[in-house]
Every structure is written in structure tokens, then in C-alpha cells.
Amino acid sequence: MLNVVDLYGEQIVQRARKPLFAGVTEKATGTAQGSNPMCGDRVKLSLRATDACIAEIRHQTRGCAICMASADLMAQTVVGQSPAKALELAARFSNMLENGSTEEEAHESAVLPPALEVFLPLKSHRSRVRCATLPWTALGEALTQ
């Protein structure tokens, strides 16, 4: 059985309590919002990007610690990347959680940047996967407007 400590690791709790990328992007080129009615999570994203680079991204997230931390770590990870690379990373993140690649496979194939590895334990707790993927789904919507 999944240990609650594994599910709510220190990094997840820390980012949920004190997010570094909370707020609203001024002069946003893309916005999106999403919700998870099963859990009550809500995410609003605003970002400023060109075809070459995501210059800034901010989120307004209300919900569980997993969703809040995922939004914040997602923002940290995609700033400075091209929208295409960010969308690719979103697909890999969702695929890893939804299709259940093992932690060893994730490390070997460099599926995730180290900052996102804190979500690997979720793959064995299916009811929490949507909490982690919700911000990434909103990112895809914001980038494809």
C-alpha cells in the first residue's frame, strides 16, 4: 500500500504551501483554466510565450497539495522552453502517470526532469493522477490557443 509520506513528499508539501509561480502573467499571450470536480481542484494559468520560448507562466490554483505543487513545478520546468518542448514534456508527464512506467524506466529514459520525479509515486494511486495532470492539461490549452 502507498505510504502517505510517499504521496505527500516534502517537495510537494513545500510547493503547495509556498508556490514560487503563483499569480497572474501581465500581457499574457495565453490563458486556460481547468477543474477536477472529483477533488475540487481548480487551476487558472496565464503565460507569455513566443514560438521560440515561454517567457513567463503563472498559476492560480486552489485544491489539494498535489495539484498545487504540480502547477508550480510545471511552471518552473517550462519557463525558458519552447512551447513545442513544453507540450512534449506534458505528454510524457501524463503518459508516465497514466500508463504507469516504472520509476526505473522513468530514470533510464529521462522521461522527466528531476524536479518532476516527486510525482512518480502517484502512478500507483490512480485517484490522484488527475490532480497532478490538471495543470499540464491547462498548459496544453493555453499554448494552443
N, C-alpha and C. Protein backbone atom coordinates (compact mmCIF):
# COMPACT_ATOMS: atom_id res chain seq x y z
N MET A 1 0.84 -1.19 0.00
CA MET A 1 0.00 0.00 0.00
C MET A 1 0.89 1.25 0.00
N LEU A 2 0.42 2.29 -0.67
CA LEU A 2 1.18 3.53 -0.78
C LEU A 2 1.19 4.26 0.55
N ASN A 3 2.36 4.63 0.96
CA ASN A 3 2.55 5.37 2.19
C ASN A 3 2.18 6.84 1.95
N VAL A 4 1.47 7.45 2.89
CA VAL A 4 1.08 8.86 2.75
C VAL A 4 2.32 9.74 2.64
N VAL A 5 3.41 9.37 3.28
CA VAL A 5 4.65 10.14 3.19
C VAL A 5 5.15 10.14 1.75
N ASP A 6 5.03 8.99 1.05
CA ASP A 6 5.44 8.91 -0.34
C ASP A 6 4.56 9.79 -1.22
N LEU A 7 3.28 9.80 -0.94
CA LEU A 7 2.32 10.56 -1.74
C LEU A 7 2.50 12.06 -1.54
N TYR A 8 2.72 12.47 -0.30
CA TYR A 8 2.88 13.88 0.02
C TYR A 8 4.30 14.16 0.50
N GLY A 9 5.24 13.97 -0.41
CA GLY A 9 6.64 14.20 -0.09
C GLY A 9 6.90 15.65 0.27
N GLU A 10 8.05 15.90 0.82
CA GLU A 10 8.43 17.23 1.29
C GLU A 10 8.32 18.29 0.20
N GLN A 11 8.79 17.96 -1.00
CA GLN A 11 8.75 18.92 -2.10
C GLN A 11 7.30 19.29 -2.46
N ILE A 12 6.41 18.31 -2.45
CA ILE A 12 5.00 18.57 -2.76
C ILE A 12 4.39 19.47 -1.70
N VAL A 13 4.61 19.16 -0.46
CA VAL A 13 4.05 19.98 0.63
C VAL A 13 4.63 21.39 0.59
N GLN A 14 5.92 21.50 0.38
CA GLN A 14 6.57 22.81 0.34
C GLN A 14 6.01 23.67 -0.79
N ARG A 15 5.89 23.13 -1.99
CA ARG A 15 5.39 23.90 -3.13
C ARG A 15 3.91 24.22 -3.00
N ALA A 16 3.17 23.39 -2.32
CA ALA A 16 1.75 23.68 -2.09
C ALA A 16 1.58 24.83 -1.11
N ARG A 17 2.42 24.86 -0.10
CA ARG A 17 2.32 25.91 0.92
C ARG A 17 2.88 27.25 0.45
N LYS A 18 3.98 27.21 -0.29
CA LYS A 18 4.65 28.44 -0.74
C LYS A 18 5.02 28.33 -2.22
N PRO A 19 4.03 28.45 -3.09
CA PRO A 19 4.33 28.35 -4.52
C PRO A 19 5.18 29.52 -4.99
N LEU A 20 6.11 29.24 -5.89
CA LEU A 20 7.01 30.26 -6.42
C LEU A 20 6.45 30.94 -7.67
N PHE A 21 5.47 30.32 -8.31
CA PHE A 21 4.94 30.82 -9.58
C PHE A 21 3.46 31.15 -9.50
N ALA A 22 2.98 31.46 -8.32
CA ALA A 22 1.56 31.83 -8.16
C ALA A 22 1.36 33.26 -8.65
N GLY A 23 0.19 33.53 -9.19
CA GLY A 23 -0.14 34.88 -9.62
C GLY A 23 -0.70 34.90 -11.03
N VAL A 24 -0.60 36.07 -11.65
CA VAL A 24 -1.12 36.30 -13.00
C VAL A 24 -0.03 36.92 -13.85
N THR A 25 0.11 36.44 -15.06
CA THR A 25 1.08 36.99 -16.01
C THR A 25 0.47 38.22 -16.67
N GLU A 26 1.17 39.33 -16.60
CA GLU A 26 0.71 40.53 -17.30
C GLU A 26 1.02 40.38 -18.78
N LYS A 27 0.16 40.94 -19.60
CA LYS A 27 0.30 40.87 -21.07
C LYS A 27 0.40 39.43 -21.53
N ALA A 28 -0.47 38.58 -20.98
CA ALA A 28 -0.46 37.15 -21.32
C ALA A 28 -0.81 36.93 -22.79
N THR A 29 -0.14 35.98 -23.39
CA THR A 29 -0.46 35.57 -24.76
C THR A 29 -1.34 34.33 -24.77
N GLY A 30 -1.48 33.70 -23.61
CA GLY A 30 -2.32 32.52 -23.50
C GLY A 30 -2.83 32.35 -22.09
N THR A 31 -4.07 31.90 -21.98
CA THR A 31 -4.67 31.61 -20.68
C THR A 31 -5.49 30.32 -20.81
N ALA A 32 -5.69 29.68 -19.71
CA ALA A 32 -6.53 28.48 -19.68
C ALA A 32 -6.91 28.21 -18.24
N GLN A 33 -7.97 27.47 -18.09
CA GLN A 33 -8.36 27.02 -16.76
C GLN A 33 -8.90 25.62 -16.84
N GLY A 34 -8.81 24.94 -15.73
CA GLY A 34 -9.32 23.58 -15.67
C GLY A 34 -9.79 23.28 -14.27
N SER A 35 -10.65 22.28 -14.18
CA SER A 35 -11.12 21.87 -12.86
C SER A 35 -11.27 20.36 -12.82
N ASN A 36 -11.21 19.86 -11.62
CA ASN A 36 -11.38 18.44 -11.35
C ASN A 36 -12.54 18.33 -10.37
N PRO A 37 -13.75 18.10 -10.84
CA PRO A 37 -14.90 18.06 -9.95
C PRO A 37 -14.84 16.95 -8.89
N MET A 38 -14.10 15.90 -9.15
CA MET A 38 -13.99 14.80 -8.19
C MET A 38 -13.23 15.22 -6.93
N CYS A 39 -12.29 16.15 -7.10
CA CYS A 39 -11.42 16.55 -6.00
C CYS A 39 -11.64 18.00 -5.58
N GLY A 40 -12.21 18.80 -6.48
CA GLY A 40 -12.40 20.21 -6.20
C GLY A 40 -11.24 21.09 -6.63
N ASP A 41 -10.27 20.52 -7.33
CA ASP A 41 -9.12 21.29 -7.80
C ASP A 41 -9.55 22.25 -8.90
N ARG A 42 -8.96 23.46 -8.89
CA ARG A 42 -9.16 24.45 -9.94
C ARG A 42 -7.82 25.10 -10.25
N VAL A 43 -7.55 25.23 -11.54
CA VAL A 43 -6.29 25.83 -11.99
C VAL A 43 -6.61 26.88 -13.05
N LYS A 44 -6.00 28.05 -12.89
CA LYS A 44 -6.02 29.09 -13.92
C LYS A 44 -4.57 29.38 -14.26
N LEU A 45 -4.24 29.30 -15.55
CA LEU A 45 -2.89 29.59 -16.00
C LEU A 45 -2.90 30.82 -16.88
N SER A 46 -1.85 31.60 -16.79
CA SER A 46 -1.62 32.68 -17.74
C SER A 46 -0.14 32.63 -18.08
N LEU A 47 0.16 32.84 -19.36
CA LEU A 47 1.54 32.76 -19.79
C LEU A 47 1.81 33.75 -20.90
N ARG A 48 3.09 34.04 -21.05
CA ARG A 48 3.56 34.88 -22.13
C ARG A 48 4.61 34.06 -22.87
N ALA A 49 4.33 33.85 -24.18
CA ALA A 49 5.22 33.00 -24.96
C ALA A 49 5.27 33.45 -26.41
N THR A 50 6.37 33.09 -27.05
CA THR A 50 6.52 33.21 -28.50
C THR A 50 6.66 31.78 -29.03
N ASP A 51 6.85 31.64 -30.33
CA ASP A 51 7.07 30.30 -30.88
C ASP A 51 8.37 29.69 -30.36
N ALA A 52 9.28 30.55 -29.93
CA ALA A 52 10.60 30.08 -29.51
C ALA A 52 10.72 29.81 -28.01
N CYS A 53 9.92 30.52 -27.18
CA CYS A 53 10.20 30.45 -25.74
C CYS A 53 8.99 30.84 -24.89
N ILE A 54 8.80 30.11 -23.81
CA ILE A 54 7.84 30.51 -22.78
C ILE A 54 8.59 31.43 -21.84
N ALA A 55 8.25 32.71 -21.89
CA ALA A 55 8.98 33.71 -21.10
C ALA A 55 8.50 33.76 -19.67
N GLU A 56 7.22 33.57 -19.45
CA GLU A 56 6.66 33.66 -18.10
C GLU A 56 5.39 32.83 -18.03
N ILE A 57 5.17 32.22 -16.89
CA ILE A 57 3.94 31.49 -16.64
C ILE A 57 3.60 31.62 -15.16
N ARG A 58 2.35 31.85 -14.88
CA ARG A 58 1.85 31.95 -13.51
C ARG A 58 0.57 31.13 -13.39
N HIS A 59 0.27 30.74 -12.17
CA HIS A 59 -0.94 29.96 -11.94
C HIS A 59 -1.67 30.48 -10.70
N GLN A 60 -2.96 30.27 -10.73
CA GLN A 60 -3.81 30.49 -9.57
C GLN A 60 -4.48 29.14 -9.34
N THR A 61 -4.05 28.46 -8.31
CA THR A 61 -4.51 27.10 -8.06
C THR A 61 -5.15 26.99 -6.69
N ARG A 62 -6.30 26.36 -6.67
CA ARG A 62 -6.99 26.04 -5.42
C ARG A 62 -7.29 24.57 -5.46
N GLY A 63 -6.91 23.90 -4.41
CA GLY A 63 -7.17 22.47 -4.39
C GLY A 63 -6.20 21.74 -3.49
N CYS A 64 -6.00 20.50 -3.81
CA CYS A 64 -5.14 19.66 -2.98
C CYS A 64 -3.67 20.00 -3.20
N ALA A 65 -2.86 19.52 -2.29
CA ALA A 65 -1.42 19.80 -2.34
C ALA A 65 -0.78 19.27 -3.61
N ILE A 66 -1.24 18.14 -4.10
CA ILE A 66 -0.66 17.55 -5.31
C ILE A 66 -0.91 18.46 -6.51
N CYS A 67 -2.11 18.95 -6.66
CA CYS A 67 -2.43 19.84 -7.78
C CYS A 67 -1.66 21.15 -7.68
N MET A 68 -1.61 21.71 -6.49
CA MET A 68 -0.91 22.97 -6.30
C MET A 68 0.59 22.83 -6.59
N ALA A 69 1.19 21.76 -6.09
CA ALA A 69 2.61 21.53 -6.33
C ALA A 69 2.88 21.22 -7.80
N SER A 70 2.00 20.49 -8.43
CA SER A 70 2.17 20.17 -9.84
C SER A 70 2.14 21.43 -10.69
N ALA A 71 1.21 22.34 -10.40
CA ALA A 71 1.13 23.60 -11.14
C ALA A 71 2.41 24.40 -10.98
N ASP A 72 2.92 24.45 -9.77
CA ASP A 72 4.11 25.26 -9.51
C ASP A 72 5.36 24.63 -10.13
N LEU A 73 5.52 23.34 -10.00
CA LEU A 73 6.68 22.68 -10.57
C LEU A 73 6.60 22.63 -12.10
N MET A 74 5.39 22.55 -12.64
CA MET A 74 5.21 22.63 -14.08
C MET A 74 5.69 23.99 -14.58
N ALA A 75 5.27 25.05 -13.91
CA ALA A 75 5.68 26.40 -14.31
C ALA A 75 7.19 26.54 -14.26
N GLN A 76 7.80 26.08 -13.20
CA GLN A 76 9.26 26.14 -13.07
C GLN A 76 9.95 25.40 -14.22
N THR A 77 9.41 24.27 -14.57
CA THR A 77 10.04 23.41 -15.56
C THR A 77 9.93 23.95 -16.98
N VAL A 78 8.83 24.60 -17.32
CA VAL A 78 8.63 25.01 -18.72
C VAL A 78 9.11 26.41 -19.04
N VAL A 79 9.36 27.25 -18.05
CA VAL A 79 9.88 28.59 -18.34
C VAL A 79 11.23 28.45 -19.05
N GLY A 80 11.36 29.15 -20.16
CA GLY A 80 12.58 29.10 -20.95
C GLY A 80 12.56 28.05 -22.05
N GLN A 81 11.58 27.16 -22.03
CA GLN A 81 11.48 26.14 -23.07
C GLN A 81 10.60 26.65 -24.21
N SER A 82 10.72 26.01 -25.35
CA SER A 82 9.82 26.33 -26.45
C SER A 82 8.46 25.72 -26.14
N PRO A 83 7.39 26.30 -26.67
CA PRO A 83 6.07 25.69 -26.48
C PRO A 83 6.04 24.23 -26.95
N ALA A 84 6.71 23.92 -28.04
CA ALA A 84 6.73 22.54 -28.54
C ALA A 84 7.36 21.59 -27.52
N LYS A 85 8.47 22.01 -26.92
CA LYS A 85 9.12 21.16 -25.90
C LYS A 85 8.25 21.04 -24.65
N ALA A 86 7.57 22.12 -24.27
CA ALA A 86 6.69 22.08 -23.11
C ALA A 86 5.52 21.12 -23.35
N LEU A 87 4.96 21.14 -24.55
CA LEU A 87 3.86 20.23 -24.88
C LEU A 87 4.34 18.78 -24.89
N GLU A 88 5.54 18.56 -25.36
CA GLU A 88 6.13 17.22 -25.36
C GLU A 88 6.33 16.72 -23.93
N LEU A 89 6.81 17.60 -23.07
CA LEU A 89 7.01 17.24 -21.67
C LEU A 89 5.67 16.95 -21.00
N ALA A 90 4.65 17.74 -21.31
CA ALA A 90 3.31 17.50 -20.75
C ALA A 90 2.81 16.12 -21.15
N ALA A 91 3.02 15.75 -22.38
CA ALA A 91 2.59 14.43 -22.86
C ALA A 91 3.36 13.32 -22.15
N ARG A 92 4.67 13.49 -21.96
CA ARG A 92 5.47 12.48 -21.26
C ARG A 92 5.05 12.35 -19.80
N PHE A 93 4.78 13.51 -19.16
CA PHE A 93 4.36 13.51 -17.76
C PHE A 93 3.04 12.75 -17.60
N SER A 94 2.07 13.09 -18.43
CA SER A 94 0.77 12.41 -18.36
C SER A 94 0.90 10.93 -18.68
N ASN A 95 1.67 10.61 -19.70
CA ASN A 95 1.85 9.21 -20.09
C ASN A 95 2.49 8.40 -18.97
N MET A 96 3.49 8.98 -18.32
CA MET A 96 4.15 8.28 -17.23
C MET A 96 3.16 7.97 -16.10
N LEU A 97 2.32 8.93 -15.75
CA LEU A 97 1.38 8.71 -14.65
C LEU A 97 0.21 7.83 -15.05
N GLU A 98 -0.31 8.02 -16.25
CA GLU A 98 -1.50 7.29 -16.67
C GLU A 98 -1.20 5.89 -17.15
N ASN A 99 -0.03 5.69 -17.74
CA ASN A 99 0.31 4.36 -18.26
C ASN A 99 1.26 3.60 -17.37
N GLY A 100 1.72 4.26 -16.31
CA GLY A 100 2.43 3.57 -15.25
C GLY A 100 3.82 3.05 -15.56
N SER A 101 4.65 3.82 -16.27
CA SER A 101 6.03 3.38 -16.42
C SER A 101 6.64 3.32 -15.02
N THR A 102 7.56 2.41 -14.84
CA THR A 102 8.17 2.26 -13.52
C THR A 102 9.13 3.39 -13.24
N GLU A 103 9.45 3.58 -11.99
CA GLU A 103 10.40 4.63 -11.60
C GLU A 103 11.73 4.40 -12.28
N GLU A 104 12.16 3.14 -12.37
CA GLU A 104 13.43 2.83 -13.03
C GLU A 104 13.38 3.19 -14.51
N GLU A 105 12.27 2.86 -15.19
CA GLU A 105 12.12 3.23 -16.61
C GLU A 105 12.13 4.74 -16.78
N ALA A 106 11.50 5.44 -15.88
CA ALA A 106 11.45 6.90 -15.96
C ALA A 106 12.85 7.49 -15.87
N HIS A 107 13.66 6.97 -14.97
CA HIS A 107 15.03 7.46 -14.83
C HIS A 107 15.88 7.10 -16.04
N GLU A 108 15.75 5.84 -16.49
CA GLU A 108 16.58 5.37 -17.60
C GLU A 108 16.31 6.11 -18.89
N SER A 109 15.06 6.42 -19.17
CA SER A 109 14.73 7.06 -20.44
C SER A 109 14.61 8.57 -20.32
N ALA A 110 14.98 9.11 -19.17
CA ALA A 110 14.92 10.56 -18.94
C ALA A 110 13.54 11.10 -19.28
N VAL A 111 12.52 10.38 -18.84
CA VAL A 111 11.14 10.79 -19.12
C VAL A 111 10.84 12.12 -18.47
N LEU A 112 11.33 12.34 -17.27
CA LEU A 112 11.01 13.55 -16.52
C LEU A 112 12.25 14.26 -16.02
N PRO A 113 12.20 15.58 -15.99
CA PRO A 113 13.27 16.32 -15.32
C PRO A 113 13.24 15.96 -13.83
N PRO A 114 14.36 16.06 -13.15
CA PRO A 114 14.43 15.69 -11.74
C PRO A 114 13.37 16.36 -10.86
N ALA A 115 13.01 17.60 -11.12
CA ALA A 115 12.03 18.30 -10.28
C ALA A 115 10.66 17.63 -10.31
N LEU A 116 10.36 16.90 -11.38
CA LEU A 116 9.04 16.28 -11.51
C LEU A 116 8.99 14.85 -11.00
N GLU A 117 10.13 14.31 -10.63
CA GLU A 117 10.18 12.94 -10.15
C GLU A 117 9.42 12.74 -8.84
N VAL A 118 9.12 13.83 -8.14
CA VAL A 118 8.36 13.70 -6.88
C VAL A 118 6.97 13.14 -7.13
N PHE A 119 6.50 13.17 -8.38
CA PHE A 119 5.16 12.67 -8.69
C PHE A 119 5.14 11.19 -9.09
N LEU A 120 6.30 10.55 -9.19
CA LEU A 120 6.35 9.15 -9.57
C LEU A 120 5.51 8.23 -8.67
N PRO A 121 5.44 8.44 -7.35
CA PRO A 121 4.61 7.57 -6.53
C PRO A 121 3.11 7.62 -6.87
N LEU A 122 2.66 8.64 -7.57
CA LEU A 122 1.23 8.76 -7.89
C LEU A 122 0.74 7.68 -8.84
N LYS A 123 1.63 7.14 -9.64
CA LYS A 123 1.18 6.16 -10.63
C LYS A 123 0.54 4.94 -9.99
N SER A 124 0.85 4.69 -8.72
CA SER A 124 0.22 3.58 -8.02
C SER A 124 -0.97 4.03 -7.16
N HIS A 125 -1.34 5.28 -7.30
CA HIS A 125 -2.51 5.82 -6.59
C HIS A 125 -3.38 6.53 -7.61
N ARG A 126 -4.08 5.75 -8.42
CA ARG A 126 -4.79 6.21 -9.60
C ARG A 126 -5.74 7.38 -9.35
N SER A 127 -6.35 7.44 -8.19
CA SER A 127 -7.32 8.51 -7.94
C SER A 127 -6.67 9.88 -7.84
N ARG A 128 -5.37 9.95 -7.70
CA ARG A 128 -4.67 11.23 -7.57
C ARG A 128 -3.97 11.69 -8.85
N VAL A 129 -3.98 10.86 -9.87
CA VAL A 129 -3.32 11.20 -11.13
C VAL A 129 -3.91 12.46 -11.74
N ARG A 130 -5.22 12.58 -11.76
CA ARG A 130 -5.86 13.76 -12.35
C ARG A 130 -5.46 15.03 -11.60
N CYS A 131 -5.21 14.94 -10.32
CA CYS A 131 -4.76 16.10 -9.55
C CYS A 131 -3.44 16.63 -10.09
N ALA A 132 -2.54 15.73 -10.44
CA ALA A 132 -1.21 16.12 -10.93
C ALA A 132 -1.24 16.54 -12.39
N THR A 133 -2.11 15.94 -13.20
CA THR A 133 -2.10 16.23 -14.64
C THR A 133 -2.96 17.45 -15.00
N LEU A 134 -3.83 17.88 -14.13
CA LEU A 134 -4.72 19.01 -14.44
C LEU A 134 -3.95 20.26 -14.88
N PRO A 135 -2.91 20.71 -14.17
CA PRO A 135 -2.17 21.89 -14.63
C PRO A 135 -1.53 21.69 -16.00
N TRP A 136 -1.10 20.49 -16.29
CA TRP A 136 -0.46 20.19 -17.57
C TRP A 136 -1.47 20.23 -18.71
N THR A 137 -2.69 19.79 -18.42
CA THR A 137 -3.76 19.87 -19.42
C THR A 137 -4.06 21.34 -19.72
N ALA A 138 -4.13 22.15 -18.68
CA ALA A 138 -4.37 23.58 -18.87
C ALA A 138 -3.21 24.22 -19.65
N LEU A 139 -1.99 23.78 -19.40
CA LEU A 139 -0.85 24.30 -20.15
C LEU A 139 -1.03 24.04 -21.65
N GLY A 140 -1.45 22.82 -21.99
CA GLY A 140 -1.67 22.50 -23.39
C GLY A 140 -2.71 23.39 -24.03
N GLU A 141 -3.77 23.67 -23.28
CA GLU A 141 -4.82 24.56 -23.80
C GLU A 141 -4.29 25.99 -23.97
N ALA A 142 -3.53 26.47 -23.00
CA ALA A 142 -3.00 27.84 -23.08
C ALA A 142 -2.02 28.00 -24.24
N LEU A 143 -1.26 26.96 -24.53
CA LEU A 143 -0.26 27.06 -25.60
C LEU A 143 -0.84 26.85 -26.99
N THR A 144 -2.03 26.28 -27.08
CA THR A 144 -2.60 26.00 -28.40
C THR A 144 -3.77 26.91 -28.75
N GLN A 145 -3.92 28.01 -28.04
CA GLN A 145 -4.99 28.95 -28.32
C GLN A 145 -4.77 29.63 -29.64
